[in-house]
PDB file of N, CA and C in Angstrom:
ATOM      1  N   UNK A   1      19.842 -11.796   3.195  1.00  0.00           N
ATOM      2  CA  UNK A   1      20.084 -10.801   4.218  1.00  0.00           C
ATOM      3  C   UNK A   1      19.149 -11.208   5.317  1.00  0.00           C
ATOM      4  N   UNK A   2      19.483 -11.176   6.654  1.00  0.00           N
ATOM      5  CA  UNK A   2      18.591 -11.388   7.805  1.00  0.00           C
ATOM      6  C   UNK A   2      17.845 -10.229   8.422  1.00  0.00           C
ATOM      7  N   UNK A   3      16.441 -10.671   8.794  1.00  0.00           N
ATOM      8  CA  UNK A   3      15.734  -9.622   9.507  1.00  0.00           C
ATOM      9  C   UNK A   3      16.556  -9.281  10.602  1.00  0.00           C
ATOM     10  N   UNK A   4      16.507  -8.075  11.116  1.00  0.00           N
ATOM     11  CA  UNK A   4      17.277  -7.637  12.352  1.00  0.00           C
ATOM     12  C   UNK A   4      16.167  -7.854  13.515  1.00  0.00           C
ATOM     13  N   UNK A   5      15.086  -7.864  13.271  1.00  0.00           N
ATOM     14  CA  UNK A   5      14.349  -8.181  14.535  1.00  0.00           C
ATOM     15  C   UNK A   5      14.124  -9.693  14.729  1.00  0.00           C
ATOM     16  N   UNK A   6      13.929 -10.669  13.699  1.00  0.00           N
ATOM     17  CA  UNK A   6      13.591 -11.955  14.315  1.00  0.00           C
ATOM     18  C   UNK A   6      14.583 -13.079  13.548  1.00  0.00           C
ATOM     19  N   UNK A   7      15.308 -12.621  12.656  1.00  0.00           N
ATOM     20  CA  UNK A   7      16.386 -13.386  12.159  1.00  0.00           C
ATOM     21  C   UNK A   7      15.865 -14.104  10.948  1.00  0.00           C
ATOM     22  N   UNK A   8      14.703 -14.092  10.529  1.00  0.00           N
ATOM     23  CA  UNK A   8      14.368 -14.808   9.325  1.00  0.00           C
ATOM     24  C   UNK A   8      15.062 -14.027   8.102  1.00  0.00           C
ATOM     25  N   UNK A   9      15.009 -14.760   7.140  1.00  0.00           N
ATOM     26  CA  UNK A   9      15.562 -14.317   5.516  1.00  0.00           C
ATOM     27  C   UNK A   9      14.518 -13.459   5.011  1.00  0.00           C
ATOM     28  N   UNK A  10      15.080 -12.157   4.927  1.00  0.00           N
ATOM     29  CA  UNK A  10      14.350 -11.212   3.997  1.00  0.00           C
ATOM     30  C   UNK A  10      14.053 -11.449   2.523  1.00  0.00           C
ATOM     31  N   UNK A  11      12.778 -11.079   1.986  1.00  0.00           N
ATOM     32  CA  UNK A  11      12.601 -11.464   0.818  1.00  0.00           C
ATOM     33  C   UNK A  11      12.593  -9.706   0.058  1.00  0.00           C
ATOM     34  N   UNK A  12      13.163  -9.837  -1.065  1.00  0.00           N
ATOM     35  CA  UNK A  12      13.238  -8.657  -1.796  1.00  0.00           C
ATOM     36  C   UNK A  12      11.880  -8.690  -2.893  1.00  0.00           C
ATOM     37  N   UNK A  13      11.315  -7.303  -2.977  1.00  0.00           N
ATOM     38  CA  UNK A  13      10.248  -7.098  -4.051  1.00  0.00           C
ATOM     39  C   UNK A  13      10.285  -5.687  -4.478  1.00  0.00           C
ATOM     40  N   UNK A  14      10.061  -5.671  -5.679  1.00  0.00           N
ATOM     41  CA  UNK A  14      10.100  -4.500  -6.337  1.00  0.00           C
ATOM     42  C   UNK A  14       8.798  -3.925  -6.726  1.00  0.00           C
ATOM     43  N   UNK A  15       8.149  -2.750  -6.160  1.00  0.00           N
ATOM     44  CA  UNK A  15       7.047  -2.142  -6.358  1.00  0.00           C
ATOM     45  C   UNK A  15       7.073  -0.706  -6.877  1.00  0.00           C
ATOM     46  N   UNK A  16       6.682  -0.470  -8.112  1.00  0.00           N
ATOM     47  CA  UNK A  16       6.649   0.919  -8.513  1.00  0.00           C
ATOM     48  C   UNK A  16       8.215   1.252  -9.004  1.00  0.00           C
ATOM     49  N   UNK A  17       9.101   0.563  -9.141  1.00  0.00           N
ATOM     50  CA  UNK A  17      10.254   0.943  -9.471  1.00  0.00           C
ATOM     51  C   UNK A  17      11.212   1.210  -8.216  1.00  0.00           C
ATOM     52  N   UNK A  18      10.493   0.718  -6.989  1.00  0.00           N
ATOM     53  CA  UNK A  18      11.476   0.645  -5.757  1.00  0.00           C
ATOM     54  C   UNK A  18      11.487  -0.595  -5.279  1.00  0.00           C
ATOM     55  N   UNK A  19      12.788  -0.984  -4.846  1.00  0.00           N
ATOM     56  CA  UNK A  19      13.085  -2.334  -4.077  1.00  0.00           C
ATOM     57  C   UNK A  19      12.870  -2.285  -2.839  1.00  0.00           C
ATOM     58  N   UNK A  20      12.148  -3.299  -2.300  1.00  0.00           N
ATOM     59  CA  UNK A  20      11.873  -2.995  -0.574  1.00  0.00           C
ATOM     60  C   UNK A  20      12.283  -4.517  -0.382  1.00  0.00           C
ATOM     61  N   UNK A  21      12.748  -4.777   0.769  1.00  0.00           N
ATOM     62  CA  UNK A  21      13.277  -5.818   1.663  1.00  0.00           C
ATOM     63  C   UNK A  21      11.988  -5.966   2.808  1.00  0.00           C
ATOM     64  N   UNK A  22      11.348  -7.168   2.861  1.00  0.00           N
ATOM     65  CA  UNK A  22      10.617  -7.365   4.078  1.00  0.00           C
ATOM     66  C   UNK A  22      10.521  -8.698   4.505  1.00  0.00           C
ATOM     67  N   UNK A  23      10.249  -8.730   5.911  1.00  0.00           N
ATOM     68  CA  UNK A  23      10.100  -9.979   6.588  1.00  0.00           C
ATOM     69  C   UNK A  23       8.865 -10.823   6.609  1.00  0.00           C
ATOM     70  N   UNK A  24       8.708 -11.940   5.774  1.00  0.00           N
ATOM     71  CA  UNK A  24       7.511 -12.579   5.942  1.00  0.00           C
ATOM     72  C   UNK A  24       7.152 -12.829   7.216  1.00  0.00           C
ATOM     73  N   UNK A  25       7.855 -13.134   8.263  1.00  0.00           N
ATOM     74  CA  UNK A  25       7.510 -13.493   9.560  1.00  0.00           C
ATOM     75  C   UNK A  25       7.030 -12.450  10.325  1.00  0.00           C
ATOM     76  N   UNK A  26       7.680 -11.209  10.638  1.00  0.00           N
ATOM     77  CA  UNK A  26       7.273 -10.266  11.400  1.00  0.00           C
ATOM     78  C   UNK A  26       6.780  -9.042  10.802  1.00  0.00           C
ATOM     79  N   UNK A  27       6.698  -9.048   9.220  1.00  0.00           N
ATOM     80  CA  UNK A  27       6.176  -8.224   8.394  1.00  0.00           C
ATOM     81  C   UNK A  27       6.773  -6.777   8.362  1.00  0.00           C
ATOM     82  N   UNK A  28       8.046  -6.695   8.762  1.00  0.00           N
ATOM     83  CA  UNK A  28       8.895  -5.640   8.946  1.00  0.00           C
ATOM     84  C   UNK A  28       9.289  -5.227   7.560  1.00  0.00           C
ATOM     85  N   UNK A  29       9.509  -3.759   7.486  1.00  0.00           N
ATOM     86  CA  UNK A  29       9.986  -3.481   5.974  1.00  0.00           C
ATOM     87  C   UNK A  29      11.199  -2.789   6.091  1.00  0.00           C
ATOM     88  N   UNK A  30      12.056  -3.084   5.025  1.00  0.00           N
ATOM     89  CA  UNK A  30      13.598  -2.437   5.412  1.00  0.00           C
ATOM     90  C   UNK A  30      13.803  -1.819   4.123  1.00  0.00           C
ATOM     91  N   UNK A  31      14.157  -0.627   4.121  1.00  0.00           N
ATOM     92  CA  UNK A  31      14.460   0.094   2.731  1.00  0.00           C
ATOM     93  C   UNK A  31      16.037   0.386   2.696  1.00  0.00           C
ATOM     94  N   UNK A  32      16.620   0.299   1.498  1.00  0.00           N
ATOM     95  CA  UNK A  32      17.968   0.605   1.639  1.00  0.00           C
ATOM     96  C   UNK A  32      18.311   2.274   1.281  1.00  0.00           C
ATOM     97  N   UNK A  33      19.325   2.774   1.343  1.00  0.00           N
ATOM     98  CA  UNK A  33      19.555   4.311   1.217  1.00  0.00           C
ATOM     99  C   UNK A  33      19.055   4.774  -0.018  1.00  0.00           C
ATOM    100  N   UNK A  34      18.297   5.826   0.053  1.00  0.00           N
ATOM    101  CA  UNK A  34      17.476   6.458  -1.127  1.00  0.00           C
ATOM    102  C   UNK A  34      16.348   5.942  -1.212  1.00  0.00           C
ATOM    103  N   UNK A  35      15.998   4.970  -0.794  1.00  0.00           N
ATOM    104  CA  UNK A  35      14.427   4.159  -1.293  1.00  0.00           C
ATOM    105  C   UNK A  35      13.171   5.141  -0.626  1.00  0.00           C
ATOM    106  N   UNK A  36      13.599   5.599   0.835  1.00  0.00           N
ATOM    107  CA  UNK A  36      12.545   6.407   1.451  1.00  0.00           C
ATOM    108  C   UNK A  36      12.398   7.663   0.601  1.00  0.00           C
ATOM    109  N   UNK A  37      13.377   8.210   0.363  1.00  0.00           N
ATOM    110  CA  UNK A  37      13.263   9.640  -0.484  1.00  0.00           C
ATOM    111  C   UNK A  37      12.424   9.320  -1.793  1.00  0.00           C
ATOM    112  N   UNK A  38      12.772   8.221  -2.559  1.00  0.00           N
ATOM    113  CA  UNK A  38      12.026   7.761  -3.545  1.00  0.00           C
ATOM    114  C   UNK A  38      10.552   7.842  -3.359  1.00  0.00           C
ATOM    115  N   UNK A  39      10.049   7.010  -2.399  1.00  0.00           N
ATOM    116  CA  UNK A  39       8.515   6.802  -1.961  1.00  0.00           C
ATOM    117  C   UNK A  39       8.069   8.288  -1.682  1.00  0.00           C
ATOM    118  N   UNK A  40       8.835   9.203  -0.806  1.00  0.00           N
ATOM    119  CA  UNK A  40       8.163  10.368  -0.302  1.00  0.00           C
ATOM    120  C   UNK A  40       8.127  11.226  -1.429  1.00  0.00           C
ATOM    121  N   UNK A  41       9.112  11.261  -2.413  1.00  0.00           N
ATOM    122  CA  UNK A  41       9.066  12.144  -3.762  1.00  0.00           C
ATOM    123  C   UNK A  41       7.622  11.799  -4.597  1.00  0.00           C
ATOM    124  N   UNK A  42       7.525  10.431  -4.582  1.00  0.00           N
ATOM    125  CA  UNK A  42       6.220   9.924  -5.561  1.00  0.00           C
ATOM    126  C   UNK A  42       4.937  10.290  -4.850  1.00  0.00           C
ATOM    127  N   UNK A  43       4.973  10.387  -3.647  1.00  0.00           N
ATOM    128  CA  UNK A  43       3.817  10.669  -2.683  1.00  0.00           C
ATOM    129  C   UNK A  43       3.433  12.012  -2.804  1.00  0.00           C
ATOM    130  N   UNK A  44       4.259  13.013  -3.066  1.00  0.00           N
ATOM    131  CA  UNK A  44       4.188  14.323  -3.282  1.00  0.00           C
ATOM    132  C   UNK A  44       3.728  14.731  -4.551  1.00  0.00           C
ATOM    133  N   UNK A  45       4.213  13.949  -5.522  1.00  0.00           N
ATOM    134  CA  UNK A  45       4.150  14.251  -6.986  1.00  0.00           C
ATOM    135  C   UNK A  45       2.935  13.581  -7.649  1.00  0.00           C
ATOM    136  N   UNK A  46       2.392  12.506  -6.758  1.00  0.00           N
ATOM    137  CA  UNK A  46       1.159  11.698  -7.369  1.00  0.00           C
ATOM    138  C   UNK A  46       0.016  12.401  -6.572  1.00  0.00           C
ATOM    139  N   UNK A  47      -1.126  12.665  -7.506  1.00  0.00           N
ATOM    140  CA  UNK A  47      -2.312  13.269  -6.746  1.00  0.00           C
ATOM    141  C   UNK A  47      -3.081  12.189  -6.153  1.00  0.00           C
ATOM    142  N   UNK A  48      -3.850  12.554  -5.004  1.00  0.00           N
ATOM    143  CA  UNK A  48      -4.402  11.569  -4.306  1.00  0.00           C
ATOM    144  C   UNK A  48      -5.777  11.320  -5.153  1.00  0.00           C
ATOM    145  N   UNK A  49      -6.211   9.901  -5.184  1.00  0.00           N
ATOM    146  CA  UNK A  49      -7.189   9.621  -5.822  1.00  0.00           C
ATOM    147  C   UNK A  49      -8.712  10.096  -5.022  1.00  0.00           C
ATOM    148  N   UNK A  50      -9.864  10.163  -6.036  1.00  0.00           N
ATOM    149  CA  UNK A  50     -10.900  10.652  -5.458  1.00  0.00           C
ATOM    150  C   UNK A  50     -11.725   9.686  -4.579  1.00  0.00           C
ATOM    151  N   UNK A  51     -12.110  10.246  -3.521  1.00  0.00           N
ATOM    152  CA  UNK A  51     -12.847   9.001  -2.627  1.00  0.00           C
ATOM    153  C   UNK A  51     -14.215   8.490  -3.173  1.00  0.00           C
ATOM    154  N   UNK A  52     -14.611   7.140  -3.316  1.00  0.00           N
ATOM    155  CA  UNK A  52     -15.807   6.663  -3.665  1.00  0.00           C
ATOM    156  C   UNK A  52     -16.854   7.431  -2.867  1.00  0.00           C
ATOM    157  N   UNK A  53     -18.109   7.305  -3.402  1.00  0.00           N
ATOM    158  CA  UNK A  53     -19.206   7.868  -2.842  1.00  0.00           C
ATOM    159  C   UNK A  53     -19.550   7.017  -1.486  1.00  0.00           C
ATOM    160  N   UNK A  54     -19.790   7.496  -0.136  1.00  0.00           N
ATOM    161  CA  UNK A  54     -20.238   6.920   0.876  1.00  0.00           C
ATOM    162  C   UNK A  54     -21.164   5.801   0.642  1.00  0.00           C
ATOM    163  N   UNK A  55     -21.121   4.835   1.692  1.00  0.00           N
ATOM    164  CA  UNK A  55     -21.759   3.443   1.494  1.00  0.00           C
ATOM    165  C   UNK A  55     -23.251   4.084   1.594  1.00  0.00           C
ATOM    166  N   UNK A  56     -24.066   3.367   0.410  1.00  0.00           N
ATOM    167  CA  UNK A  56     -25.421   3.576   0.577  1.00  0.00           C
ATOM    168  C   UNK A  56     -26.113   5.239   0.081  1.00  0.00           C
ATOM    169  N   UNK A  57     -24.970   5.767  -0.449  1.00  0.00           N
ATOM    170  CA  UNK A  57     -25.390   7.241  -1.163  1.00  0.00           C
ATOM    171  C   UNK A  57     -25.013   7.035  -2.526  1.00  0.00           C
ATOM    172  N   UNK A  58     -25.882   6.171  -3.240  1.00  0.00           N
ATOM    173  CA  UNK A  58     -25.789   6.194  -4.447  1.00  0.00           C
ATOM    174  C   UNK A  58     -26.431   7.069  -5.248  1.00  0.00           C
ATOM    175  N   UNK A  59     -27.034   7.071  -6.595  1.00  0.00           N
ATOM    176  CA  UNK A  59     -27.846   8.116  -7.014  1.00  0.00           C
ATOM    177  C   UNK A  59     -29.087   8.147  -6.392  1.00  0.00           C
ATOM    178  N   UNK A  60     -29.804   7.044  -5.926  1.00  0.00           N
ATOM    179  CA  UNK A  60     -30.841   7.006  -5.784  1.00  0.00           C
ATOM    180  C   UNK A  60     -30.750   7.323  -4.041  1.00  0.00           C
ATOM    181  N   UNK A  61     -29.839   7.210  -3.376  1.00  0.00           N
ATOM    182  CA  UNK A  61     -29.697   7.313  -2.138  1.00  0.00           C
ATOM    183  C   UNK A  61     -30.261   6.019  -1.196  1.00  0.00           C
ATOM    184  N   UNK A  62     -30.122   4.949  -1.790  1.00  0.00           N
ATOM    185  CA  UNK A  62     -30.406   3.651  -1.259  1.00  0.00           C
ATOM    186  C   UNK A  62     -29.300   2.817  -1.475  1.00  0.00           C
ATOM    187  N   UNK A  63     -29.207   1.462  -0.939  1.00  0.00           N
ATOM    188  CA  UNK A  63     -28.385   0.646  -0.888  1.00  0.00           C
ATOM    189  C   UNK A  63     -28.991  -0.426  -1.906  1.00  0.00           C
ATOM    190  N   UNK A  64     -28.154  -0.606  -2.950  1.00  0.00           N
ATOM    191  CA  UNK A  64     -28.588  -1.770  -3.966  1.00  0.00           C
ATOM    192  C   UNK A  64     -28.391  -3.071  -3.284  1.00  0.00           C
ATOM    193  N   UNK A  65     -29.432  -3.863  -3.889  1.00  0.00           N
ATOM    194  CA  UNK A  65     -29.409  -5.395  -3.066  1.00  0.00           C
ATOM    195  C   UNK A  65     -28.229  -5.923  -3.730  1.00  0.00           C
ATOM    196  N   UNK A  66     -27.565  -7.008  -3.138  1.00  0.00           N
ATOM    197  CA  UNK A  66     -26.444  -7.727  -3.444  1.00  0.00           C
ATOM    198  C   UNK A  66     -25.148  -6.846  -3.504  1.00  0.00           C
ATOM    199  N   UNK A  67     -25.107  -5.656  -3.182  1.00  0.00           N
ATOM    200  CA  UNK A  67     -24.097  -4.838  -3.424  1.00  0.00           C
ATOM    201  C   UNK A  67     -23.163  -4.832  -2.155  1.00  0.00           C
ATOM    202  N   UNK A  68     -22.017  -5.286  -2.257  1.00  0.00           N
ATOM    203  CA  UNK A  68     -21.021  -5.296  -1.227  1.00  0.00           C
ATOM    204  C   UNK A  68     -20.120  -4.182  -1.453  1.00  0.00           C
ATOM    205  N   UNK A  69     -19.821  -3.690  -0.338  1.00  0.00           N
ATOM    206  CA  UNK A  69     -18.691  -2.346  -0.399  1.00  0.00           C
ATOM    207  C   UNK A  69     -17.463  -3.060  -0.475  1.00  0.00           C
ATOM    208  N   UNK A  70     -16.569  -2.570  -1.712  1.00  0.00           N
ATOM    209  CA  UNK A  70     -15.237  -3.015  -1.760  1.00  0.00           C
ATOM    210  C   UNK A  70     -14.309  -2.105  -1.226  1.00  0.00           C
ATOM    211  N   UNK A  71     -13.460  -2.479  -0.466  1.00  0.00           N
ATOM    212  CA  UNK A  71     -12.310  -1.754   0.162  1.00  0.00           C
ATOM    213  C   UNK A  71     -11.364  -1.267  -1.112  1.00  0.00           C
ATOM    214  N   UNK A  72     -11.342  -0.031  -1.069  1.00  0.00           N
ATOM    215  CA  UNK A  72     -10.170   0.409  -2.102  1.00  0.00           C
ATOM    216  C   UNK A  72      -9.116   1.032  -1.634  1.00  0.00           C
ATOM    217  N   UNK A  73      -7.893   0.661  -2.169  1.00  0.00           N
ATOM    218  CA  UNK A  73      -6.506   1.100  -1.983  1.00  0.00           C
ATOM    219  C   UNK A  73      -6.544   2.625  -1.921  1.00  0.00           C
ATOM    220  N   UNK A  74      -5.742   3.350  -1.071  1.00  0.00           N
ATOM    221  CA  UNK A  74      -5.808   4.633  -1.131  1.00  0.00           C
ATOM    222  C   UNK A  74      -4.674   5.158  -1.985  1.00  0.00           C
ATOM    223  N   UNK A  75      -3.563   4.801  -2.260  1.00  0.00           N
ATOM    224  CA  UNK A  75      -2.775   5.305  -3.169  1.00  0.00           C
ATOM    225  C   UNK A  75      -1.738   4.162  -3.556  1.00  0.00           C
ATOM    226  N   UNK A  76      -0.622   4.328  -4.358  1.00  0.00           N
ATOM    227  CA  UNK A  76       0.277   3.479  -4.704  1.00  0.00           C
ATOM    228  C   UNK A  76       1.134   3.020  -3.571  1.00  0.00           C
ATOM    229  N   UNK A  77       1.100   3.866  -2.552  1.00  0.00           N
ATOM    230  CA  UNK A  77       1.869   3.752  -1.493  1.00  0.00           C
ATOM    231  C   UNK A  77       1.387   2.557  -0.452  1.00  0.00           C
ATOM    232  N   UNK A  78       0.208   2.428  -0.408  1.00  0.00           N
ATOM    233  CA  UNK A  78      -0.234   1.244   0.160  1.00  0.00           C
ATOM    234  C   UNK A  78      -0.426  -0.241  -0.433  1.00  0.00           C
ATOM    235  N   UNK A  79       0.152  -0.051  -1.781  1.00  0.00           N
ATOM    236  CA  UNK A  79       0.362  -1.151  -2.658  1.00  0.00           C
ATOM    237  C   UNK A  79       2.133  -1.772  -2.315  1.00  0.00           C
ATOM    238  N   UNK A  80       2.752  -0.779  -1.739  1.00  0.00           N
ATOM    239  CA  UNK A  80       4.142  -1.168  -1.346  1.00  0.00           C
ATOM    240  C   UNK A  80       4.221  -2.176  -0.276  1.00  0.00           C
ATOM    241  N   UNK A  81       3.154  -2.017   0.536  1.00  0.00           N
ATOM    242  CA  UNK A  81       3.317  -2.783   1.895  1.00  0.00           C
ATOM    243  C   UNK A  81       2.257  -3.944   1.983  1.00  0.00           C
ATOM    244  N   UNK A  82       1.941  -4.640   0.623  1.00  0.00           N
ATOM    245  CA  UNK A  82       0.956  -5.772   0.615  1.00  0.00           C
ATOM    246  C   UNK A  82       1.503  -6.934   1.200  1.00  0.00           C
TER     247      UNK A  82
END
């Protein structure tokens, strides 16, 4: 299938049991019928993760040497569009 935006060949990927089509060129995401409903249903039923403590707010309240803050994915929805 071709991307409606730029005509590149779409790549199919399955994430969390939901098949998505995406364009590697423009990074557009295309869903088939019912797939958006599945994504929204899972977003409602899955609890949001607990946010990590703020940077530099460890148990002692200081930043540990050599500690690099790692970005954490917010939910399984963010994994869909990697």
